[in-house]
C-alpha atoms as a PDB file:
ATOM      1  CA  UNK A   1     108.271 111.783 142.454  1.00  0.00           C
ATOM      2  CA  UNK A   2     108.222 110.468 139.399  1.00  0.00           C
ATOM      3  CA  UNK A   3     106.287 111.189 136.296  1.00  0.00           C
ATOM      4  CA  UNK A   4     106.021 109.158 133.221  1.00  0.00           C
ATOM      5  CA  UNK A   5     105.887 110.960 129.464  1.00  0.00           C
ATOM      6  CA  UNK A   6     104.695 108.810 126.571  1.00  0.00           C
ATOM      7  CA  UNK A   7     104.942 109.974 123.405  1.00  0.00           C
ATOM      8  CA  UNK A   8     103.932 108.685 119.652  1.00  0.00           C
ATOM      9  CA  UNK A   9     106.443 109.448 117.008  1.00  0.00           C
ATOM     10  CA  UNK A  10     104.848 110.306 113.266  1.00  0.00           C
ATOM     11  CA  UNK A  11     103.100 113.820 113.501  1.00  0.00           C
ATOM     12  CA  UNK A  12     104.376 114.181 117.440  1.00  0.00           C
ATOM     13  CA  UNK A  13     107.933 114.136 117.495  1.00  0.00           C
ATOM     14  CA  UNK A  14     109.056 114.168 114.191  1.00  0.00           C
ATOM     15  CA  UNK A  15     106.528 116.662 112.085  1.00  0.00           C
ATOM     16  CA  UNK A  16     105.820 113.810 109.361  1.00  0.00           C
ATOM     17  CA  UNK A  17     104.836 110.659 108.637  1.00  0.00           C
ATOM     18  CA  UNK A  18     108.190 108.326 108.555  1.00  0.00           C
ATOM     19  CA  UNK A  19     106.455 105.540 106.450  1.00  0.00           C
ATOM     20  CA  UNK A  20     105.664 107.922 104.195  1.00  0.00           C
ATOM     21  CA  UNK A  21     108.435 109.489 103.914  1.00  0.00           C
ATOM     22  CA  UNK A  22     110.592 106.917 103.212  1.00  0.00           C
ATOM     23  CA  UNK A  23     108.670 107.120  99.355  1.00  0.00           C
ATOM     24  CA  UNK A  24     110.875 109.728  98.520  1.00  0.00           C
ATOM     25  CA  UNK A  25     113.724 107.318  98.013  1.00  0.00           C
ATOM     26  CA  UNK A  26     111.710 105.130  95.480  1.00  0.00           C
ATOM     27  CA  UNK A  27     111.884 105.834  91.369  1.00  0.00           C
ATOM     28  CA  UNK A  28     110.759 109.028  90.373  1.00  0.00           C
ATOM     29  CA  UNK A  29     109.841 109.464  94.081  1.00  0.00           C
ATOM     30  CA  UNK A  30     106.043 108.081  93.766  1.00  0.00           C
ATOM     31  CA  UNK A  31     104.743 104.874  94.064  1.00  0.00           C
ATOM     32  CA  UNK A  32     102.829 102.577  91.619  1.00  0.00           C
ATOM     33  CA  UNK A  33      99.189 102.883  91.656  1.00  0.00           C
ATOM     34  CA  UNK A  34      98.853  99.644  92.102  1.00  0.00           C
ATOM     35  CA  UNK A  35     101.492  99.124  94.894  1.00  0.00           C
ATOM     36  CA  UNK A  36      99.154 102.210  96.714  1.00  0.00           C
ATOM     37  CA  UNK A  37      95.932 101.354  96.320  1.00  0.00           C
ATOM     38  CA  UNK A  38      96.666  97.593  97.608  1.00  0.00           C
ATOM     39  CA  UNK A  39      96.433  99.157 101.302  1.00  0.00           C
ATOM     40  CA  UNK A  40      93.864  97.438 103.542  1.00  0.00           C
ATOM     41  CA  UNK A  41      93.033  99.155 106.850  1.00  0.00           C
ATOM     42  CA  UNK A  42      94.048  97.728 109.853  1.00  0.00           C
ATOM     43  CA  UNK A  43      96.815  96.405 108.139  1.00  0.00           C
ATOM     44  CA  UNK A  44      99.625  99.433 107.567  1.00  0.00           C
ATOM     45  CA  UNK A  45     102.507  96.934 108.485  1.00  0.00           C
ATOM     46  CA  UNK A  46     101.536  94.602 105.561  1.00  0.00           C
ATOM     47  CA  UNK A  47     101.427  97.447 102.698  1.00  0.00           C
ATOM     48  CA  UNK A  48     104.350  99.109 104.580  1.00  0.00           C
ATOM     49  CA  UNK A  49     106.461  95.308 104.301  1.00  0.00           C
ATOM     50  CA  UNK A  50     105.648  95.385 100.419  1.00  0.00           C
ATOM     51  CA  UNK A  51     107.045  99.302  99.633  1.00  0.00           C
ATOM     52  CA  UNK A  52     110.265  98.119 101.239  1.00  0.00           C
ATOM     53  CA  UNK A  53     110.239  95.350  99.032  1.00  0.00           C
ATOM     54  CA  UNK A  54     109.665  97.613  96.151  1.00  0.00           C
ATOM     55  CA  UNK A  55     112.829 100.311  96.827  1.00  0.00           C
ATOM     56  CA  UNK A  56     114.639  97.250  97.445  1.00  0.00           C
ATOM     57  CA  UNK A  57     114.006  95.577  93.719  1.00  0.00           C
ATOM     58  CA  UNK A  58     114.771  99.362  93.280  1.00  0.00           C
ATOM     59  CA  UNK A  59     118.453  99.010  94.161  1.00  0.00           C
ATOM     60  CA  UNK A  60     117.198 101.550  97.060  1.00  0.00           C
ATOM     61  CA  UNK A  61     120.133 100.822  99.331  1.00  0.00           C
ATOM     62  CA  UNK A  62     120.487 101.021 103.922  1.00  0.00           C
ATOM     63  CA  UNK A  63     122.277 104.258 103.467  1.00  0.00           C
ATOM     64  CA  UNK A  64     120.418 106.141 101.190  1.00  0.00           C
ATOM     65  CA  UNK A  65     117.273 105.000 103.702  1.00  0.00           C
ATOM     66  CA  UNK A  66     118.798 106.581 106.341  1.00  0.00           C
ATOM     67  CA  UNK A  67     120.297 109.900 104.909  1.00  0.00           C
ATOM     68  CA  UNK A  68     116.506 110.144 103.485  1.00  0.00           C
ATOM     69  CA  UNK A  69     115.111 109.585 107.259  1.00  0.00           C
ATOM     70  CA  UNK A  70     117.204 111.618 108.840  1.00  0.00           C
ATOM     71  CA  UNK A  71     116.308 114.757 106.659  1.00  0.00           C
ATOM     72  CA  UNK A  72     112.446 114.462 108.470  1.00  0.00           C
ATOM     73  CA  UNK A  73     111.847 117.485 110.848  1.00  0.00           C
ATOM     74  CA  UNK A  74     110.987 117.622 114.211  1.00  0.00           C
ATOM     75  CA  UNK A  75     108.266 118.852 115.241  1.00  0.00           C
ATOM     76  CA  UNK A  76     107.680 123.253 117.025  1.00  0.00           C
ATOM     77  CA  UNK A  77     109.942 123.091 119.590  1.00  0.00           C
ATOM     78  CA  UNK A  78     109.987 119.333 120.140  1.00  0.00           C
ATOM     79  CA  UNK A  79     113.700 119.966 120.181  1.00  0.00           C
ATOM     80  CA  UNK A  80     113.784 122.068 123.405  1.00  0.00           C
ATOM     81  CA  UNK A  81     111.493 120.162 125.129  1.00  0.00           C
ATOM     82  CA  UNK A  82     113.732 116.378 124.473  1.00  0.00           C
ATOM     83  CA  UNK A  83     116.759 118.374 125.772  1.00  0.00           C
ATOM     84  CA  UNK A  84     114.574 119.648 128.823  1.00  0.00           C
ATOM     85  CA  UNK A  85     113.721 116.389 129.602  1.00  0.00           C
ATOM     86  CA  UNK A  86     117.112 115.515 128.861  1.00  0.00           C
ATOM     87  CA  UNK A  87     117.954 117.696 131.377  1.00  0.00           C
ATOM     88  CA  UNK A  88     115.820 116.564 134.394  1.00  0.00           C
ATOM     89  CA  UNK A  89     115.831 112.535 133.507  1.00  0.00           C
ATOM     90  CA  UNK A  90     115.796 112.143 137.100  1.00  0.00           C
ATOM     91  CA  UNK A  91     112.206 113.496 137.047  1.00  0.00           C
ATOM     92  CA  UNK A  92     110.726 111.703 133.744  1.00  0.00           C
ATOM     93  CA  UNK A  93     110.520 108.382 132.569  1.00  0.00           C
ATOM     94  CA  UNK A  94     109.860 108.960 128.887  1.00  0.00           C
ATOM     95  CA  UNK A  95     108.757 106.120 126.026  1.00  0.00           C
ATOM     96  CA  UNK A  96     107.890 105.965 123.109  1.00  0.00           C
ATOM     97  CA  UNK A  97     105.067 103.662 121.094  1.00  0.00           C
ATOM     98  CA  UNK A  98     104.146 104.030 117.937  1.00  0.00           C
ATOM     99  CA  UNK A  99     103.414 102.629 114.718  1.00  0.00           C
ATOM    100  CA  UNK A 100     106.388 103.297 112.667  1.00  0.00           C
ATOM    101  CA  UNK A 101     109.523 100.755 113.028  1.00  0.00           C
ATOM    102  CA  UNK A 102     112.446 100.164 115.124  1.00  0.00           C
ATOM    103  CA  UNK A 103     115.090 101.509 112.359  1.00  0.00           C
ATOM    104  CA  UNK A 104     113.393 104.597 111.513  1.00  0.00           C
ATOM    105  CA  UNK A 105     113.491 105.727 114.993  1.00  0.00           C
ATOM    106  CA  UNK A 106     116.628 104.682 115.546  1.00  0.00           C
ATOM    107  CA  UNK A 107     118.276 106.569 113.198  1.00  0.00           C
ATOM    108  CA  UNK A 108     116.033 109.572 113.514  1.00  0.00           C
ATOM    109  CA  UNK A 109     116.665 110.016 117.280  1.00  0.00           C
ATOM    110  CA  UNK A 110     120.276 109.140 117.128  1.00  0.00           C
ATOM    111  CA  UNK A 111     121.448 111.127 114.586  1.00  0.00           C
ATOM    112  CA  UNK A 112     119.959 114.482 116.541  1.00  0.00           C
ATOM    113  CA  UNK A 113     121.248 112.643 120.014  1.00  0.00           C
ATOM    114  CA  UNK A 114     118.129 112.560 121.694  1.00  0.00           C
ATOM    115  CA  UNK A 115     118.270 108.276 122.209  1.00  0.00           C
ATOM    116  CA  UNK A 116     119.215 108.921 125.471  1.00  0.00           C
ATOM    117  CA  UNK A 117     115.889 110.665 126.593  1.00  0.00           C
ATOM    118  CA  UNK A 118     114.235 107.193 125.826  1.00  0.00           C
ATOM    119  CA  UNK A 119     114.232 104.610 128.358  1.00  0.00           C
ATOM    120  CA  UNK A 120     112.616 102.199 126.140  1.00  0.00           C
ATOM    121  CA  UNK A 121     110.797 102.283 122.542  1.00  0.00           C
ATOM    122  CA  UNK A 122     107.680 100.124 121.819  1.00  0.00           C
ATOM    123  CA  UNK A 123     107.425  99.943 118.372  1.00  0.00           C
ATOM    124  CA  UNK A 124     107.491  97.308 115.211  1.00  0.00           C
ATOM    125  CA  UNK A 125     110.748  95.628 114.891  1.00  0.00           C
ATOM    126  CA  UNK A 126     112.425  96.038 111.530  1.00  0.00           C
ATOM    127  CA  UNK A 127     116.044  95.177 110.292  1.00  0.00           C
ATOM    128  CA  UNK A 128     117.485  94.976 107.093  1.00  0.00           C
ATOM    129  CA  UNK A 129     117.731  91.242 105.684  1.00  0.00           C
ATOM    130  CA  UNK A 130     120.980  89.707 104.186  1.00  0.00           C
ATOM    131  CA  UNK A 131     119.444  90.749 100.218  1.00  0.00           C
ATOM    132  CA  UNK A 132     120.041  94.659 102.099  1.00  0.00           C
ATOM    133  CA  UNK A 133     115.510  95.040 101.786  1.00  0.00           C
ATOM    134  CA  UNK A 134     114.348  96.585 105.085  1.00  0.00           C
ATOM    135  CA  UNK A 135     111.542  94.136 106.574  1.00  0.00           C
ATOM    136  CA  UNK A 136     109.169  94.815 109.348  1.00  0.00           C
ATOM    137  CA  UNK A 137     107.091  92.552 111.655  1.00  0.00           C
ATOM    138  CA  UNK A 138     104.331  93.154 114.077  1.00  0.00           C
ATOM    139  CA  UNK A 139     105.349  94.554 117.644  1.00  0.00           C
ATOM    140  CA  UNK A 140     102.560  91.862 119.350  1.00  0.00           C
ATOM    141  CA  UNK A 141      99.269  90.071 118.921  1.00  0.00           C
ATOM    142  CA  UNK A 142      96.504  91.457 121.242  1.00  0.00           C
ATOM    143  CA  UNK A 143      92.956  91.247 120.800  1.00  0.00           C
ATOM    144  CA  UNK A 144      91.135  94.947 120.857  1.00  0.00           C
ATOM    145  CA  UNK A 145      88.734  95.695 117.951  1.00  0.00           C
ATOM    146  CA  UNK A 146      89.379  99.386 118.063  1.00  0.00           C
ATOM    147  CA  UNK A 147      92.945  99.136 117.535  1.00  0.00           C
ATOM    148  CA  UNK A 148      95.130  98.061 114.272  1.00  0.00           C
ATOM    149  CA  UNK A 149      95.916  94.838 114.393  1.00  0.00           C
ATOM    150  CA  UNK A 150      99.445  94.840 114.777  1.00  0.00           C
ATOM    151  CA  UNK A 151      99.644  97.314 117.824  1.00  0.00           C
ATOM    152  CA  UNK A 152      97.284  98.443 121.000  1.00  0.00           C
ATOM    153  CA  UNK A 153      98.772 101.264 122.416  1.00  0.00           C
ATOM    154  CA  UNK A 154      96.481 100.441 125.811  1.00  0.00           C
ATOM    155  CA  UNK A 155      98.368  97.086 125.670  1.00  0.00           C
ATOM    156  CA  UNK A 156     101.939  98.053 125.641  1.00  0.00           C
ATOM    157  CA  UNK A 157     101.354 100.909 128.533  1.00  0.00           C
ATOM    158  CA  UNK A 158      99.574  98.776 130.516  1.00  0.00           C
ATOM    159  CA  UNK A 159     102.058  96.309 130.530  1.00  0.00           C
ATOM    160  CA  UNK A 160     105.148  98.671 131.116  1.00  0.00           C
ATOM    161  CA  UNK A 161     103.430 100.049 133.621  1.00  0.00           C
ATOM    162  CA  UNK A 162     102.803  97.095 135.493  1.00  0.00           C
ATOM    163  CA  UNK A 163     106.473  95.629 134.572  1.00  0.00           C
ATOM    164  CA  UNK A 164     107.451  98.971 136.209  1.00  0.00           C
ATOM    165  CA  UNK A 165     105.191  98.453 139.654  1.00  0.00           C
ATOM    166  CA  UNK A 166     106.790  95.247 139.913  1.00  0.00           C
ATOM    167  CA  UNK A 167     110.445  97.226 139.820  1.00  0.00           C
ATOM    168  CA  UNK A 168     108.629  99.414 142.504  1.00  0.00           C
ATOM    169  CA  UNK A 169     108.228 102.157 139.961  1.00  0.00           C
ATOM    170  CA  UNK A 170     104.535 103.832 141.189  1.00  0.00           C
ATOM    171  CA  UNK A 171     104.227 107.375 138.672  1.00  0.00           C
ATOM    172  CA  UNK A 172     102.393 110.412 140.274  1.00  0.00           C
ATOM    173  CA  UNK A 173     101.003 111.628 136.897  1.00  0.00           C
ATOM    174  CA  UNK A 174     101.373 109.922 133.161  1.00  0.00           C
ATOM    175  CA  UNK A 175     101.787 112.417 130.420  1.00  0.00           C
ATOM    176  CA  UNK A 176     100.396 110.766 126.824  1.00  0.00           C
ATOM    177  CA  UNK A 177     101.802 113.288 123.929  1.00  0.00           C
ATOM    178  CA  UNK A 178     100.093 111.985 120.618  1.00  0.00           C
ATOM    179  CA  UNK A 179      97.939 112.752 117.665  1.00  0.00           C
ATOM    180  CA  UNK A 180      96.723 109.841 115.770  1.00  0.00           C
ATOM    181  CA  UNK A 181      93.360 108.270 116.382  1.00  0.00           C
ATOM    182  CA  UNK A 182      95.601 104.684 117.942  1.00  0.00           C
ATOM    183  CA  UNK A 183      96.417 107.196 120.471  1.00  0.00           C
ATOM    184  CA  UNK A 184      92.387 107.486 121.670  1.00  0.00           C
ATOM    185  CA  UNK A 185      92.905 103.313 122.973  1.00  0.00           C
ATOM    186  CA  UNK A 186      95.879 104.275 125.858  1.00  0.00           C
ATOM    187  CA  UNK A 187      94.347 107.566 126.491  1.00  0.00           C
ATOM    188  CA  UNK A 188      90.783 105.946 127.496  1.00  0.00           C
ATOM    189  CA  UNK A 189      92.925 103.678 130.024  1.00  0.00           C
ATOM    190  CA  UNK A 190      94.352 106.991 131.723  1.00  0.00           C
ATOM    191  CA  UNK A 191      92.800 108.160 134.667  1.00  0.00           C
ATOM    192  CA  UNK A 192      91.358 111.158 136.816  1.00  0.00           C
ATOM    193  CA  UNK A 193      95.375 112.474 137.969  1.00  0.00           C
ATOM    194  CA  UNK A 194      96.822 111.776 134.470  1.00  0.00           C
ATOM    195  CA  UNK A 195      96.682 114.157 131.625  1.00  0.00           C
ATOM    196  CA  UNK A 196      96.126 113.236 127.716  1.00  0.00           C
ATOM    197  CA  UNK A 197      97.968 115.984 125.291  1.00  0.00           C
ATOM    198  CA  UNK A 198      96.814 115.886 121.910  1.00  0.00           C
ATOM    199  CA  UNK A 199      98.057 118.004 118.969  1.00  0.00           C
ATOM    200  CA  UNK A 200      95.564 120.787 117.971  1.00  0.00           C
ATOM    201  CA  UNK A 201      94.188 119.703 114.629  1.00  0.00           C
ATOM    202  CA  UNK A 202      94.524 115.936 114.103  1.00  0.00           C
ATOM    203  CA  UNK A 203      92.561 113.022 114.971  1.00  0.00           C
ATOM    204  CA  UNK A 204      93.265 112.286 118.516  1.00  0.00           C
ATOM    205  CA  UNK A 205      92.234 116.066 119.700  1.00  0.00           C
ATOM    206  CA  UNK A 206      88.867 115.491 117.187  1.00  0.00           C
ATOM    207  CA  UNK A 207      88.169 112.459 119.139  1.00  0.00           C
ATOM    208  CA  UNK A 208      88.815 113.299 122.238  1.00  0.00           C
ATOM    209  CA  UNK A 209      86.171 115.852 121.859  1.00  0.00           C
ATOM    210  CA  UNK A 210      83.264 114.224 120.212  1.00  0.00           C
ATOM    211  CA  UNK A 211      83.745 111.456 123.021  1.00  0.00           C
ATOM    212  CA  UNK A 212      82.739 114.531 125.214  1.00  0.00           C
ATOM    213  CA  UNK A 213      79.917 116.081 122.677  1.00  0.00           C
ATOM    214  CA  UNK A 214      78.635 112.007 123.158  1.00  0.00           C
ATOM    215  CA  UNK A 215      78.411 113.094 126.907  1.00  0.00           C
ATOM    216  CA  UNK A 216      81.319 110.229 127.781  1.00  0.00           C
ATOM    217  CA  UNK A 217      84.628 111.538 128.055  1.00  0.00           C
ATOM    218  CA  UNK A 218      87.835 110.706 128.493  1.00  0.00           C
ATOM    219  CA  UNK A 219      88.619 110.186 132.549  1.00  0.00           C
ATOM    220  CA  UNK A 220      92.051 111.937 132.115  1.00  0.00           C
ATOM    221  CA  UNK A 221      92.791 116.191 132.148  1.00  0.00           C
ATOM    222  CA  UNK A 222      93.275 116.802 128.681  1.00  0.00           C
ATOM    223  CA  UNK A 223      95.815 119.984 127.215  1.00  0.00           C
ATOM    224  CA  UNK A 224      95.893 120.544 123.521  1.00  0.00           C
ATOM    225  CA  UNK A 225      99.289 121.924 122.164  1.00  0.00           C
ATOM    226  CA  UNK A 226      99.999 123.439 118.897  1.00  0.00           C
ATOM    227  CA  UNK A 227     104.108 123.627 119.869  1.00  0.00           C
ATOM    228  CA  UNK A 228     105.981 121.367 122.129  1.00  0.00           C
ATOM    229  CA  UNK A 229     106.645 124.426 124.142  1.00  0.00           C
ATOM    230  CA  UNK A 230     103.331 124.024 124.761  1.00  0.00           C
ATOM    231  CA  UNK A 231     103.724 120.791 126.529  1.00  0.00           C
ATOM    232  CA  UNK A 232     107.662 121.655 128.440  1.00  0.00           C
ATOM    233  CA  UNK A 233     105.862 124.340 129.694  1.00  0.00           C
ATOM    234  CA  UNK A 234     103.378 121.914 130.888  1.00  0.00           C
ATOM    235  CA  UNK A 235     106.114 119.641 132.224  1.00  0.00           C
ATOM    236  CA  UNK A 236     107.851 122.852 133.920  1.00  0.00           C
ATOM    237  CA  UNK A 237     105.021 124.014 136.034  1.00  0.00           C
ATOM    238  CA  UNK A 238     104.765 119.674 137.220  1.00  0.00           C
ATOM    239  CA  UNK A 239     108.079 119.686 138.632  1.00  0.00           C
ATOM    240  CA  UNK A 240     107.603 123.143 140.524  1.00  0.00           C
ATOM    241  CA  UNK A 241     104.696 122.314 141.965  1.00  0.00           C
END
């Protein structure tokens, strides 16, 4: 009996958006209007690339970025939840699928000593160039019309499950924990026995309830959370069963 926990990162594990938090490193903690207005829907990764160039041009170094990123608060109850999962790793495989980047997620998880809780992190690859600039790339290419062009979380989840099956790992249940519009695509892939846990008041919850109203509800069960303690209570019930 093994369960798969799939987490989004921004506004789910941490209580902020890591990409917008980095702006605290910018001169006067803000971006010039021209740069801010250069974002085009579906092209967030390219936009962040320009933000990182701006920070680099303004002499913002890796240590300052790291210091800033590790001050992001975790979502209410999340530290308890991740501690609980860490103590029960024989029952839970745990992955992150996020539109953030490898550098930010790595910094934040390691600073809080939670990196061992997660088996794999699927996010946009990032690295510092020889000139000290942070660069970010698309996670993959895909053909899903619903998702931003750098990341379809359904594709990531499906490929992960296929790979696990080849290794002989089959999950009793998938628990998907997220908040954003880009979490809907993987939630629609979940089966009847799985569970989606959208964060209360965020886009994912609203989208799932719109689907239910238009009589095309998701197949899986839905349990809304406002504190990660709600998620922990559910997991405790799961492992008792």
